Structures are given as structure tokens and as C-alpha cells.
Amino acid sequence: MLSVKAPSIEATAATLSGGNQQKVVLGKWLTLRPRVMVFDEPTQGVDVGAKAEIHRLIRRLADEGTAVLMISSDIEEIIAESDRVAVMHEGRITGLLDGATCTPESIMQLAIA
């Protein structure tokens, strides 16, 4: 389901690439069938292919009814992957944006407010 690429079934997670390690951890959590998932910088340090796979999985979880909270410092990732965005500044939510109003400019304006 997660397309983990490993040299063999006996390979330990520590020997896998960063993206595949991320997917192994995610797979462990998914076995619990969570109703809410929190992703903190889910694609940081992974290659482009793994990033796309992680995004597809997160979208599928949301489409299947899992509540997904994604924390990311990558503005393009936020815009591309989010239905709604809560922007914070100094520990407080300064605004909520939806798809139509979510732009890099609107995010930055709220982030420095």
C-alpha cells in the first residue's frame, strides 16, 4: 500500500532511504486505523518521488474520512495539499484560509501579523 522500496524483506528500517523510513513509520501508525493523523513536516528530507507518494497517501486518508492536520514550513506544500490553512504567529492563530484565498502572499501576511 505504501510502496516501501527495500533490498529484501529482511532489511531493517534503518537501512532504508529517508522516504522509505517515513513510509515504514506511517505504516505502523496506519495499522491502528486512526481517526485523526498529525503530520509534522511529513516530507522534509525526502526525495521528490517519496514526497509525491506521501502526499497521495495523506490525500487518500483525508478522502476516506481521516481528519488530517499537517504542519509544514513549505508554503507550496501547504497550498497544494490543504483544504484549509490555519496560519500562526507567535503561538496564536492569526487567520484561516481556504483554497480560494490561500496564496503565498496571504499566508505570509498572516504569518507576520
PDB file of N, CA and C in Angstrom:
ATOM      1  N   MET A   1       0.822  -1.206   0.000  1.00  0.00           N
ATOM      2  CA  MET A   1       0.000   0.000   0.000  1.00  0.00           C
ATOM      3  C   MET A   1       0.859   1.259   0.000  1.00  0.00           C
ATOM      4  N   LEU A   2       1.988   1.230   0.709  1.00  0.00           N
ATOM      5  CA  LEU A   2       2.834   2.405   0.821  1.00  0.00           C
ATOM      6  C   LEU A   2       4.002   2.399  -0.149  1.00  0.00           C
ATOM      7  N   SER A   3       4.163   1.333  -0.905  1.00  0.00           N
ATOM      8  CA  SER A   3       5.247   1.214  -1.886  1.00  0.00           C
ATOM      9  C   SER A   3       6.622   1.423  -1.267  1.00  0.00           C
ATOM     10  N   VAL A   4       6.868   0.772  -0.134  1.00  0.00           N
ATOM     11  CA  VAL A   4       8.179   0.840   0.501  1.00  0.00           C
ATOM     12  C   VAL A   4       9.157   0.045  -0.363  1.00  0.00           C
ATOM     13  N   LYS A   5      10.271   0.678  -0.691  1.00  0.00           N
ATOM     14  CA  LYS A   5      11.290   0.017  -1.503  1.00  0.00           C
ATOM     15  C   LYS A   5      12.429  -0.410  -0.598  1.00  0.00           C
ATOM     16  N   ALA A   6      12.676  -1.723  -0.575  1.00  0.00           N
ATOM     17  CA  ALA A   6      13.729  -2.284   0.281  1.00  0.00           C
ATOM     18  C   ALA A   6      14.470  -3.354  -0.509  1.00  0.00           C
ATOM     19  N   PRO A   7      15.756  -3.555  -0.205  1.00  0.00           N
ATOM     20  CA  PRO A   7      16.522  -4.573  -0.934  1.00  0.00           C
ATOM     21  C   PRO A   7      16.033  -5.993  -0.666  1.00  0.00           C
ATOM     22  N   SER A   8      15.444  -6.229   0.510  1.00  0.00           N
ATOM     23  CA  SER A   8      14.878  -7.538   0.830  1.00  0.00           C
ATOM     24  C   SER A   8      13.877  -7.380   1.962  1.00  0.00           C
ATOM     25  N   ILE A   9      13.106  -8.412   2.204  1.00  0.00           N
ATOM     26  CA  ILE A   9      12.105  -8.401   3.273  1.00  0.00           C
ATOM     27  C   ILE A   9      12.769  -8.359   4.647  1.00  0.00           C
ATOM     28  N   GLU A  10      14.011  -8.801   4.724  1.00  0.00           N
ATOM     29  CA  GLU A  10      14.740  -8.810   5.992  1.00  0.00           C
ATOM     30  C   GLU A  10      15.410  -7.475   6.314  1.00  0.00           C
ATOM     31  N   ALA A  11      15.429  -6.546   5.384  1.00  0.00           N
ATOM     32  CA  ALA A  11      16.092  -5.257   5.600  1.00  0.00           C
ATOM     33  C   ALA A  11      15.449  -4.517   6.766  1.00  0.00           C
ATOM     34  N   THR A  12      16.257  -3.919   7.616  1.00  0.00           N
ATOM     35  CA  THR A  12      15.722  -3.128   8.728  1.00  0.00           C
ATOM     36  C   THR A  12      15.392  -1.726   8.227  1.00  0.00           C
ATOM     37  N   ALA A  13      14.490  -1.078   8.907  1.00  0.00           N
ATOM     38  CA  ALA A  13      14.085   0.274   8.513  1.00  0.00           C
ATOM     39  C   ALA A  13      15.267   1.230   8.495  1.00  0.00           C
ATOM     40  N   ALA A  14      16.226   1.034   9.387  1.00  0.00           N
ATOM     41  CA  ALA A  14      17.390   1.927   9.476  1.00  0.00           C
ATOM     42  C   ALA A  14      18.238   1.901   8.206  1.00  0.00           C
ATOM     43  N   THR A  15      18.133   0.839   7.410  1.00  0.00           N
ATOM     44  CA  THR A  15      18.944   0.732   6.190  1.00  0.00           C
ATOM     45  C   THR A  15      18.248   1.329   4.971  1.00  0.00           C
ATOM     46  N   LEU A  16      17.012   1.764   5.132  1.00  0.00           N
ATOM     47  CA  LEU A  16      16.237   2.297   4.011  1.00  0.00           C
ATOM     48  C   LEU A  16      16.501   3.785   3.824  1.00  0.00           C
ATOM     49  N   SER A  17      16.094   4.296   2.667  1.00  0.00           N
ATOM     50  CA  SER A  17      16.212   5.734   2.405  1.00  0.00           C
ATOM     51  C   SER A  17      15.274   6.493   3.346  1.00  0.00           C
ATOM     52  N   GLY A  18      15.497   7.801   3.454  1.00  0.00           N
ATOM     53  CA  GLY A  18      14.667   8.626   4.340  1.00  0.00           C
ATOM     54  C   GLY A  18      13.185   8.536   4.020  1.00  0.00           C
ATOM     55  N   GLY A  19      12.848   8.567   2.725  1.00  0.00           N
ATOM     56  CA  GLY A  19      11.442   8.477   2.334  1.00  0.00           C
ATOM     57  C   GLY A  19      10.820   7.147   2.696  1.00  0.00           C
ATOM     58  N   ASN A  20      11.571   6.084   2.499  1.00  0.00           N
ATOM     59  CA  ASN A  20      11.059   4.752   2.848  1.00  0.00           C
ATOM     60  C   ASN A  20      10.964   4.581   4.357  1.00  0.00           C
ATOM     61  N   GLN A  21      11.881   5.179   5.108  1.00  0.00           N
ATOM     62  CA  GLN A  21      11.770   5.154   6.569  1.00  0.00           C
ATOM     63  C   GLN A  21      10.506   5.870   7.011  1.00  0.00           C
ATOM     64  N   GLN A  22      10.210   7.013   6.384  1.00  0.00           N
ATOM     65  CA  GLN A  22       8.979   7.752   6.703  1.00  0.00           C
ATOM     66  C   GLN A  22       7.761   6.867   6.456  1.00  0.00           C
ATOM     67  N   LYS A  23       7.757   6.158   5.328  1.00  0.00           N
ATOM     68  CA  LYS A  23       6.616   5.310   4.987  1.00  0.00           C
ATOM     69  C   LYS A  23       6.472   4.140   5.954  1.00  0.00           C
ATOM     70  N   VAL A  24       7.579   3.586   6.443  1.00  0.00           N
ATOM     71  CA  VAL A  24       7.510   2.494   7.424  1.00  0.00           C
ATOM     72  C   VAL A  24       6.852   2.997   8.708  1.00  0.00           C
ATOM     73  N   VAL A  25       7.272   4.153   9.186  1.00  0.00           N
ATOM     74  CA  VAL A  25       6.686   4.732  10.400  1.00  0.00           C
ATOM     75  C   VAL A  25       5.199   4.988  10.181  1.00  0.00           C
ATOM     76  N   LEU A  26       4.863   5.549   9.041  1.00  0.00           N
ATOM     77  CA  LEU A  26       3.459   5.818   8.725  1.00  0.00           C
ATOM     78  C   LEU A  26       2.649   4.531   8.685  1.00  0.00           C
ATOM     79  N   GLY A  27       3.216   3.490   8.111  1.00  0.00           N
ATOM     80  CA  GLY A  27       2.530   2.196   8.053  1.00  0.00           C
ATOM     81  C   GLY A  27       2.218   1.644   9.430  1.00  0.00           C
ATOM     82  N   LYS A  28       3.153   1.814  10.348  1.00  0.00           N
ATOM     83  CA  LYS A  28       2.916   1.350  11.725  1.00  0.00           C
ATOM     84  C   LYS A  28       1.718   2.077  12.334  1.00  0.00           C
ATOM     85  N   TRP A  29       1.643   3.382  12.128  1.00  0.00           N
ATOM     86  CA  TRP A  29       0.521   4.142  12.688  1.00  0.00           C
ATOM     87  C   TRP A  29      -0.800   3.782  12.010  1.00  0.00           C
ATOM     88  N   LEU A  30      -0.750   3.531  10.703  1.00  0.00           N
ATOM     89  CA  LEU A  30      -1.985   3.228   9.977  1.00  0.00           C
ATOM     90  C   LEU A  30      -2.609   1.906  10.401  1.00  0.00           C
ATOM     91  N   THR A  31      -1.821   0.982  10.937  1.00  0.00           N
ATOM     92  CA  THR A  31      -2.391  -0.281  11.398  1.00  0.00           C
ATOM     93  C   THR A  31      -3.361  -0.072  12.554  1.00  0.00           C
ATOM     94  N   LEU A  32      -3.259   1.070  13.230  1.00  0.00           N
ATOM     95  CA  LEU A  32      -4.165   1.385  14.346  1.00  0.00           C
ATOM     96  C   LEU A  32      -5.498   1.968  13.877  1.00  0.00           C
ATOM     97  N   ARG A  33      -5.605   2.239  12.572  1.00  0.00           N
ATOM     98  CA  ARG A  33      -6.815   2.841  11.989  1.00  0.00           C
ATOM     99  C   ARG A  33      -7.213   4.122  12.719  1.00  0.00           C
ATOM    100  N   PRO A  34      -6.326   5.106  12.745  1.00  0.00           N
ATOM    101  CA  PRO A  34      -6.617   6.339  13.485  1.00  0.00           C
ATOM    102  C   PRO A  34      -7.713   7.158  12.817  1.00  0.00           C
ATOM    103  N   ARG A  35      -8.441   7.898  13.637  1.00  0.00           N
ATOM    104  CA  ARG A  35      -9.450   8.824  13.108  1.00  0.00           C
ATOM    105  C   ARG A  35      -8.848  10.193  12.850  1.00  0.00           C
ATOM    106  N   VAL A  36      -7.731  10.466  13.504  1.00  0.00           N
ATOM    107  CA  VAL A  36      -7.018  11.735  13.335  1.00  0.00           C
ATOM    108  C   VAL A  36      -5.537  11.429  13.135  1.00  0.00           C
ATOM    109  N   MET A  37      -4.912  12.088  12.163  1.00  0.00           N
ATOM    110  CA  MET A  37      -3.468  11.947  11.938  1.00  0.00           C
ATOM    111  C   MET A  37      -2.846  13.348  11.935  1.00  0.00           C
ATOM    112  N   VAL A  38      -1.748  13.482  12.653  1.00  0.00           N
ATOM    113  CA  VAL A  38      -0.997  14.735  12.671  1.00  0.00           C
ATOM    114  C   VAL A  38       0.332  14.474  11.982  1.00  0.00           C
ATOM    115  N   PHE A  39       0.610  15.236  10.940  1.00  0.00           N
ATOM    116  CA  PHE A  39       1.861  15.120  10.197  1.00  0.00           C
ATOM    117  C   PHE A  39       2.665  16.397  10.425  1.00  0.00           C
ATOM    118  N   ASP A  40       3.833  16.263  10.999  1.00  0.00           N
ATOM    119  CA  ASP A  40       4.717  17.402  11.253  1.00  0.00           C
ATOM    120  C   ASP A  40       5.884  17.311  10.277  1.00  0.00           C
ATOM    121  N   GLU A  41       5.906  18.212   9.300  1.00  0.00           N
ATOM    122  CA  GLU A  41       6.931  18.222   8.252  1.00  0.00           C
ATOM    123  C   GLU A  41       7.049  16.830   7.611  1.00  0.00           C
ATOM    124  N   PRO A  42       5.942  16.304   7.056  1.00  0.00           N
ATOM    125  CA  PRO A  42       5.931  14.924   6.584  1.00  0.00           C
ATOM    126  C   PRO A  42       6.872  14.621   5.422  1.00  0.00           C
ATOM    127  N   THR A  43       7.276  15.631   4.669  1.00  0.00           N
ATOM    128  CA  THR A  43       8.119  15.351   3.506  1.00  0.00           C
ATOM    129  C   THR A  43       9.502  15.994   3.610  1.00  0.00           C
ATOM    130  N   GLN A  44       9.833  16.488   4.763  1.00  0.00           N
ATOM    131  CA  GLN A  44      11.144  17.115   4.927  1.00  0.00           C
ATOM    132  C   GLN A  44      12.245  16.070   4.754  1.00  0.00           C
ATOM    133  N   GLY A  45      13.190  16.365   3.879  1.00  0.00           N
ATOM    134  CA  GLY A  45      14.345  15.495   3.698  1.00  0.00           C
ATOM    135  C   GLY A  45      14.122  14.279   2.829  1.00  0.00           C
ATOM    136  N   VAL A  46      12.981  14.188   2.146  1.00  0.00           N
ATOM    137  CA  VAL A  46      12.745  13.043   1.279  1.00  0.00           C
ATOM    138  C   VAL A  46      12.849  13.474  -0.182  1.00  0.00           C
ATOM    139  N   ASP A  47      13.091  12.498  -1.066  1.00  0.00           N
ATOM    140  CA  ASP A  47      13.222  12.837  -2.482  1.00  0.00           C
ATOM    141  C   ASP A  47      11.854  13.129  -3.085  1.00  0.00           C
ATOM    142  N   VAL A  48      11.882  13.643  -4.314  1.00  0.00           N
ATOM    143  CA  VAL A  48      10.657  14.086  -4.987  1.00  0.00           C
ATOM    144  C   VAL A  48       9.640  12.961  -5.142  1.00  0.00           C
ATOM    145  N   GLY A  49      10.116  11.761  -5.488  1.00  0.00           N
ATOM    146  CA  GLY A  49       9.202  10.627  -5.661  1.00  0.00           C
ATOM    147  C   GLY A  49       8.519  10.234  -4.371  1.00  0.00           C
ATOM    148  N   ALA A  50       9.282  10.147  -3.292  1.00  0.00           N
ATOM    149  CA  ALA A  50       8.702   9.804  -1.992  1.00  0.00           C
ATOM    150  C   ALA A  50       7.744  10.892  -1.531  1.00  0.00           C
ATOM    151  N   LYS A  51       8.098  12.149  -1.814  1.00  0.00           N
ATOM    152  CA  LYS A  51       7.238  13.273  -1.438  1.00  0.00           C
ATOM    153  C   LYS A  51       5.867  13.136  -2.101  1.00  0.00           C
ATOM    154  N   ALA A  52       5.853  12.823  -3.380  1.00  0.00           N
ATOM    155  CA  ALA A  52       4.589  12.656  -4.105  1.00  0.00           C
ATOM    156  C   ALA A  52       3.783  11.489  -3.535  1.00  0.00           C
ATOM    157  N   GLU A  53       4.453  10.393  -3.201  1.00  0.00           N
ATOM    158  CA  GLU A  53       3.759   9.247  -2.624  1.00  0.00           C
ATOM    159  C   GLU A  53       3.156   9.594  -1.266  1.00  0.00           C
ATOM    160  N   ILE A  54       3.888  10.316  -0.444  1.00  0.00           N
ATOM    161  CA  ILE A  54       3.389  10.723   0.876  1.00  0.00           C
ATOM    162  C   ILE A  54       2.186  11.641   0.713  1.00  0.00           C
ATOM    163  N   HIS A  55       2.261  12.568  -0.238  1.00  0.00           N
ATOM    164  CA  HIS A  55       1.120  13.462  -0.486  1.00  0.00           C
ATOM    165  C   HIS A  55      -0.112  12.676  -0.933  1.00  0.00           C
ATOM    166  N   ARG A  56       0.091  11.694  -1.820  1.00  0.00           N
ATOM    167  CA  ARG A  56      -1.050  10.870  -2.281  1.00  0.00           C
ATOM    168  C   ARG A  56      -1.681  10.124  -1.110  1.00  0.00           C
ATOM    169  N   LEU A  57      -0.857   9.588  -0.236  1.00  0.00           N
ATOM    170  CA  LEU A  57      -1.373   8.849   0.912  1.00  0.00           C
ATOM    171  C   LEU A  57      -2.143   9.770   1.855  1.00  0.00           C
ATOM    172  N   ILE A  58      -1.595  10.937   2.137  1.00  0.00           N
ATOM    173  CA  ILE A  58      -2.279  11.888   3.017  1.00  0.00           C
ATOM    174  C   ILE A  58      -3.623  12.285   2.422  1.00  0.00           C
ATOM    175  N   ARG A  59      -3.663  12.538   1.115  1.00  0.00           N
ATOM    176  CA  ARG A  59      -4.921  12.908   0.444  1.00  0.00           C
ATOM    177  C   ARG A  59      -5.910  11.758   0.533  1.00  0.00           C
ATOM    178  N   ARG A  60      -5.442  10.525   0.333  1.00  0.00           N
ATOM    179  CA  ARG A  60      -6.340   9.364   0.408  1.00  0.00           C
ATOM    180  C   ARG A  60      -6.931   9.219   1.807  1.00  0.00           C
ATOM    181  N   LEU A  61      -6.095   9.397   2.826  1.00  0.00           N
ATOM    182  CA  LEU A  61      -6.597   9.336   4.201  1.00  0.00           C
ATOM    183  C   LEU A  61      -7.705  10.363   4.419  1.00  0.00           C
ATOM    184  N   ALA A  62      -7.458  11.589   3.964  1.00  0.00           N
ATOM    185  CA  ALA A  62      -8.465  12.642   4.125  1.00  0.00           C
ATOM    186  C   ALA A  62      -9.741  12.300   3.358  1.00  0.00           C
ATOM    187  N   ASP A  63      -9.582  11.815   2.134  1.00  0.00           N
ATOM    188  CA  ASP A  63     -10.754  11.455   1.324  1.00  0.00           C
ATOM    189  C   ASP A  63     -11.559  10.322   1.948  1.00  0.00           C
ATOM    190  N   GLU A  64     -10.886   9.453   2.723  1.00  0.00           N
ATOM    191  CA  GLU A  64     -11.570   8.331   3.374  1.00  0.00           C
ATOM    192  C   GLU A  64     -12.133   8.705   4.737  1.00  0.00           C
ATOM    193  N   GLY A  65     -12.003   9.972   5.129  1.00  0.00           N
ATOM    194  CA  GLY A  65     -12.629  10.436   6.360  1.00  0.00           C
ATOM    195  C   GLY A  65     -11.710  10.643   7.545  1.00  0.00           C
ATOM    196  N   THR A  66     -10.427  10.378   7.394  1.00  0.00           N
ATOM    197  CA  THR A  66      -9.491  10.641   8.487  1.00  0.00           C
ATOM    198  C   THR A  66      -9.267  12.151   8.576  1.00  0.00           C
ATOM    199  N   ALA A  67      -9.344  12.687   9.773  1.00  0.00           N
ATOM    200  CA  ALA A  67      -9.020  14.105   9.968  1.00  0.00           C
ATOM    201  C   ALA A  67      -7.502  14.231   9.919  1.00  0.00           C
ATOM    202  N   VAL A  68      -7.001  15.102   9.042  1.00  0.00           N
ATOM    203  CA  VAL A  68      -5.565  15.257   8.855  1.00  0.00           C
ATOM    204  C   VAL A  68      -5.145  16.671   9.210  1.00  0.00           C
ATOM    205  N   LEU A  69      -4.174  16.765  10.094  1.00  0.00           N
ATOM    206  CA  LEU A  69      -3.558  18.043  10.444  1.00  0.00           C
ATOM    207  C   LEU A  69      -2.114  17.961   9.974  1.00  0.00           C
ATOM    208  N   MET A  70      -1.743  18.832   9.040  1.00  0.00           N
ATOM    209  CA  MET A  70      -0.382  18.832   8.523  1.00  0.00           C
ATOM    210  C   MET A  70       0.299  20.139   8.909  1.00  0.00           C
ATOM    211  N   ILE A  71       1.445  19.999   9.547  1.00  0.00           N
ATOM    212  CA  ILE A  71       2.262  21.144   9.934  1.00  0.00           C
ATOM    213  C   ILE A  71       3.441  21.167   8.975  1.00  0.00           C
ATOM    214  N   SER A  72       3.635  22.284   8.295  1.00  0.00           N
ATOM    215  CA  SER A  72       4.720  22.348   7.323  1.00  0.00           C
ATOM    216  C   SER A  72       5.239  23.767   7.197  1.00  0.00           C
ATOM    217  N   SER A  73       6.536  23.875   6.988  1.00  0.00           N
ATOM    218  CA  SER A  73       7.144  25.177   6.724  1.00  0.00           C
ATOM    219  C   SER A  73       7.272  25.420   5.222  1.00  0.00           C
ATOM    220  N   ASP A  74       6.843  24.454   4.415  1.00  0.00           N
ATOM    221  CA  ASP A  74       6.897  24.546   2.958  1.00  0.00           C
ATOM    222  C   ASP A  74       5.571  25.130   2.454  1.00  0.00           C
ATOM    223  N   ILE A  75       5.599  26.414   2.115  1.00  0.00           N
ATOM    224  CA  ILE A  75       4.363  27.105   1.715  1.00  0.00           C
ATOM    225  C   ILE A  75       3.731  26.455   0.494  1.00  0.00           C
ATOM    226  N   GLU A  76       4.527  26.055  -0.479  1.00  0.00           N
ATOM    227  CA  GLU A  76       3.966  25.417  -1.677  1.00  0.00           C
ATOM    228  C   GLU A  76       3.278  24.098  -1.323  1.00  0.00           C
ATOM    229  N   GLU A  77       3.847  23.350  -0.401  1.00  0.00           N
ATOM    230  CA  GLU A  77       3.232  22.105   0.053  1.00  0.00           C
ATOM    231  C   GLU A  77       1.900  22.401   0.738  1.00  0.00           C
ATOM    232  N   ILE A  78       1.881  23.407   1.567  1.00  0.00           N
ATOM    233  CA  ILE A  78       0.651  23.782   2.275  1.00  0.00           C
ATOM    234  C   ILE A  78      -0.451  24.120   1.274  1.00  0.00           C
ATOM    235  N   ILE A  79      -0.128  24.953   0.308  1.00  0.00           N
ATOM    236  CA  ILE A  79      -1.132  25.386  -0.668  1.00  0.00           C
ATOM    237  C   ILE A  79      -1.626  24.207  -1.501  1.00  0.00           C
ATOM    238  N   ALA A  80      -0.712  23.364  -1.952  1.00  0.00           N
ATOM    239  CA  ALA A  80      -1.083  22.252  -2.832  1.00  0.00           C
ATOM    240  C   ALA A  80      -1.855  21.148  -2.124  1.00  0.00           C
ATOM    241  N   GLU A  81      -1.601  20.947  -0.842  1.00  0.00           N
ATOM    242  CA  GLU A  81      -2.130  19.773  -0.156  1.00  0.00           C
ATOM    243  C   GLU A  81      -3.235  20.046   0.850  1.00  0.00           C
ATOM    244  N   SER A  82      -3.583  21.302   1.071  1.00  0.00           N
ATOM    245  CA  SER A  82      -4.522  21.622   2.155  1.00  0.00           C
ATOM    246  C   SER A  82      -5.884  22.060   1.647  1.00  0.00           C
ATOM    247  N   ASP A  83      -6.921  21.659   2.369  1.00  0.00           N
ATOM    248  CA  ASP A  83      -8.273  22.144   2.106  1.00  0.00           C
ATOM    249  C   ASP A  83      -8.502  23.470   2.828  1.00  0.00           C
ATOM    250  N   ARG A  84      -7.944  23.558   4.031  1.00  0.00           N
ATOM    251  CA  ARG A  84      -7.998  24.789   4.832  1.00  0.00           C
ATOM    252  C   ARG A  84      -6.647  24.974   5.505  1.00  0.00           C
ATOM    253  N   VAL A  85      -6.281  26.237   5.722  1.00  0.00           N
ATOM    254  CA  VAL A  85      -4.988  26.543   6.332  1.00  0.00           C
ATOM    255  C   VAL A  85      -5.207  27.487   7.503  1.00  0.00           C
ATOM    256  N   ALA A  86      -4.673  27.099   8.655  1.00  0.00           N
ATOM    257  CA  ALA A  86      -4.645  27.987   9.821  1.00  0.00           C
ATOM    258  C   ALA A  86      -3.212  28.506   9.921  1.00  0.00           C
ATOM    259  N   VAL A  87      -3.066  29.817   9.874  1.00  0.00           N
ATOM    260  CA  VAL A  87      -1.737  30.428   9.944  1.00  0.00           C
ATOM    261  C   VAL A  87      -1.512  30.916  11.369  1.00  0.00           C
ATOM    262  N   MET A  88      -0.307  30.646  11.872  1.00  0.00           N
ATOM    263  CA  MET A  88       0.009  31.036  13.243  1.00  0.00           C
ATOM    264  C   MET A  88       1.168  32.025  13.266  1.00  0.00           C
ATOM    265  N   HIS A  89       1.142  32.879  14.267  1.00  0.00           N
ATOM    266  CA  HIS A  89       2.235  33.814  14.542  1.00  0.00           C
ATOM    267  C   HIS A  89       2.372  33.920  16.055  1.00  0.00           C
ATOM    268  N   GLU A  90       3.569  33.659  16.544  1.00  0.00           N
ATOM    269  CA  GLU A  90       3.857  33.716  17.978  1.00  0.00           C
ATOM    270  C   GLU A  90       2.863  32.903  18.808  1.00  0.00           C
ATOM    271  N   GLY A  91       2.567  31.688  18.319  1.00  0.00           N
ATOM    272  CA  GLY A  91       1.741  30.752  19.065  1.00  0.00           C
ATOM    273  C   GLY A  91       0.245  30.962  18.981  1.00  0.00           C
ATOM    274  N   ARG A  92      -0.197  31.895  18.159  1.00  0.00           N
ATOM    275  CA  ARG A  92      -1.644  32.159  18.023  1.00  0.00           C
ATOM    276  C   ARG A  92      -2.071  32.091  16.572  1.00  0.00           C
ATOM    277  N   ILE A  93      -3.283  31.599  16.366  1.00  0.00           N
ATOM    278  CA  ILE A  93      -3.831  31.567  15.010  1.00  0.00           C
ATOM    279  C   ILE A  93      -4.197  32.989  14.615  1.00  0.00           C
ATOM    280  N   THR A  94      -3.595  33.422  13.509  1.00  0.00           N
ATOM    281  CA  THR A  94      -3.851  34.788  13.027  1.00  0.00           C
ATOM    282  C   THR A  94      -4.835  34.817  11.869  1.00  0.00           C
ATOM    283  N   GLY A  95      -5.178  33.658  11.333  1.00  0.00           N
ATOM    284  CA  GLY A  95      -6.160  33.629  10.260  1.00  0.00           C
ATOM    285  C   GLY A  95      -6.372  32.240   9.716  1.00  0.00           C
ATOM    286  N   LEU A  96      -7.530  32.063   9.086  1.00  0.00           N
ATOM    287  CA  LEU A  96      -7.893  30.812   8.420  1.00  0.00           C
ATOM    288  C   LEU A  96      -8.103  31.101   6.944  1.00  0.00           C
ATOM    289  N   LEU A  97      -7.547  30.264   6.097  1.00  0.00           N
ATOM    290  CA  LEU A  97      -7.661  30.441   4.656  1.00  0.00           C
ATOM    291  C   LEU A  97      -8.229  29.175   4.038  1.00  0.00           C
ATOM    292  N   ASP A  98      -9.026  29.338   2.985  1.00  0.00           N
ATOM    293  CA  ASP A  98      -9.487  28.182   2.234  1.00  0.00           C
ATOM    294  C   ASP A  98      -8.808  28.190   0.876  1.00  0.00           C
ATOM    295  N   GLY A  99      -9.139  27.244   0.030  1.00  0.00           N
ATOM    296  CA  GLY A  99      -8.476  27.119  -1.265  1.00  0.00           C
ATOM    297  C   GLY A  99      -8.470  28.394  -2.090  1.00  0.00           C
ATOM    298  N   ALA A 100      -9.578  29.122  -2.096  1.00  0.00           N
ATOM    299  CA  ALA A 100      -9.684  30.319  -2.927  1.00  0.00           C
ATOM    300  C   ALA A 100      -8.833  31.475  -2.410  1.00  0.00           C
ATOM    301  N   THR A 101      -8.615  31.529  -1.117  1.00  0.00           N
ATOM    302  CA  THR A 101      -7.873  32.662  -0.534  1.00  0.00           C
ATOM    303  C   THR A 101      -6.464  32.307  -0.098  1.00  0.00           C
ATOM    304  N   CYS A 102      -6.066  31.059  -0.303  1.00  0.00           N
ATOM    305  CA  CYS A 102      -4.764  30.600   0.165  1.00  0.00           C
ATOM    306  C   CYS A 102      -3.705  30.807  -0.914  1.00  0.00           C
ATOM    307  N   THR A 103      -2.889  31.807  -0.719  1.00  0.00           N
ATOM    308  CA  THR A 103      -1.783  32.113  -1.626  1.00  0.00           C
ATOM    309  C   THR A 103      -0.533  32.308  -0.776  1.00  0.00           C
ATOM    310  N   PRO A 104       0.638  32.252  -1.388  1.00  0.00           N
ATOM    311  CA  PRO A 104       1.852  32.541  -0.597  1.00  0.00           C
ATOM    312  C   PRO A 104       1.789  33.913   0.075  1.00  0.00           C
ATOM    313  N   GLU A 105       1.228  34.869  -0.634  1.00  0.00           N
ATOM    314  CA  GLU A 105       1.135  36.223  -0.092  1.00  0.00           C
ATOM    315  C   GLU A 105       0.191  36.284   1.117  1.00  0.00           C
ATOM    316  N   SER A 106      -0.968  35.620   1.008  1.00  0.00           N
ATOM    317  CA  SER A 106      -1.927  35.681   2.120  1.00  0.00           C
ATOM    318  C   SER A 106      -1.386  34.941   3.344  1.00  0.00           C
ATOM    319  N   ILE A 107      -0.662  33.863   3.114  1.00  0.00           N
ATOM    320  CA  ILE A 107      -0.062  33.138   4.230  1.00  0.00           C
ATOM    321  C   ILE A 107       0.987  33.995   4.906  1.00  0.00           C
ATOM    322  N   MET A 108       1.877  34.592   4.127  1.00  0.00           N
ATOM    323  CA  MET A 108       2.943  35.412   4.706  1.00  0.00           C
ATOM    324  C   MET A 108       2.396  36.636   5.426  1.00  0.00           C
ATOM    325  N   GLN A 109       1.351  37.222   4.878  1.00  0.00           N
ATOM    326  CA  GLN A 109       0.738  38.387   5.526  1.00  0.00           C
ATOM    327  C   GLN A 109       0.229  38.027   6.913  1.00  0.00           C
ATOM    328  N   LEU A 110      -0.409  36.870   7.044  1.00  0.00           N
ATOM    329  CA  LEU A 110      -0.907  36.428   8.342  1.00  0.00           C
ATOM    330  C   LEU A 110       0.228  35.960   9.261  1.00  0.00           C
ATOM    331  N   ALA A 111       1.281  35.407   8.659  1.00  0.00           N
ATOM    332  CA  ALA A 111       2.388  34.878   9.461  1.00  0.00           C
ATOM    333  C   ALA A 111       3.207  35.972  10.126  1.00  0.00           C
ATOM    334  N   ILE A 112       3.180  37.166   9.583  1.00  0.00           N
ATOM    335  CA  ILE A 112       3.969  38.268  10.173  1.00  0.00           C
ATOM    336  C   ILE A 112       3.098  39.302  10.865  1.00  0.00           C
ATOM    337  N   ALA A 113       1.808  38.999  10.956  1.00  0.00           N
ATOM    338  CA  ALA A 113       0.853  39.951  11.555  1.00  0.00           C
ATOM    339  C   ALA A 113       1.120  40.168  13.034  1.00  0.00           C
TER     340      ALA A 113
END
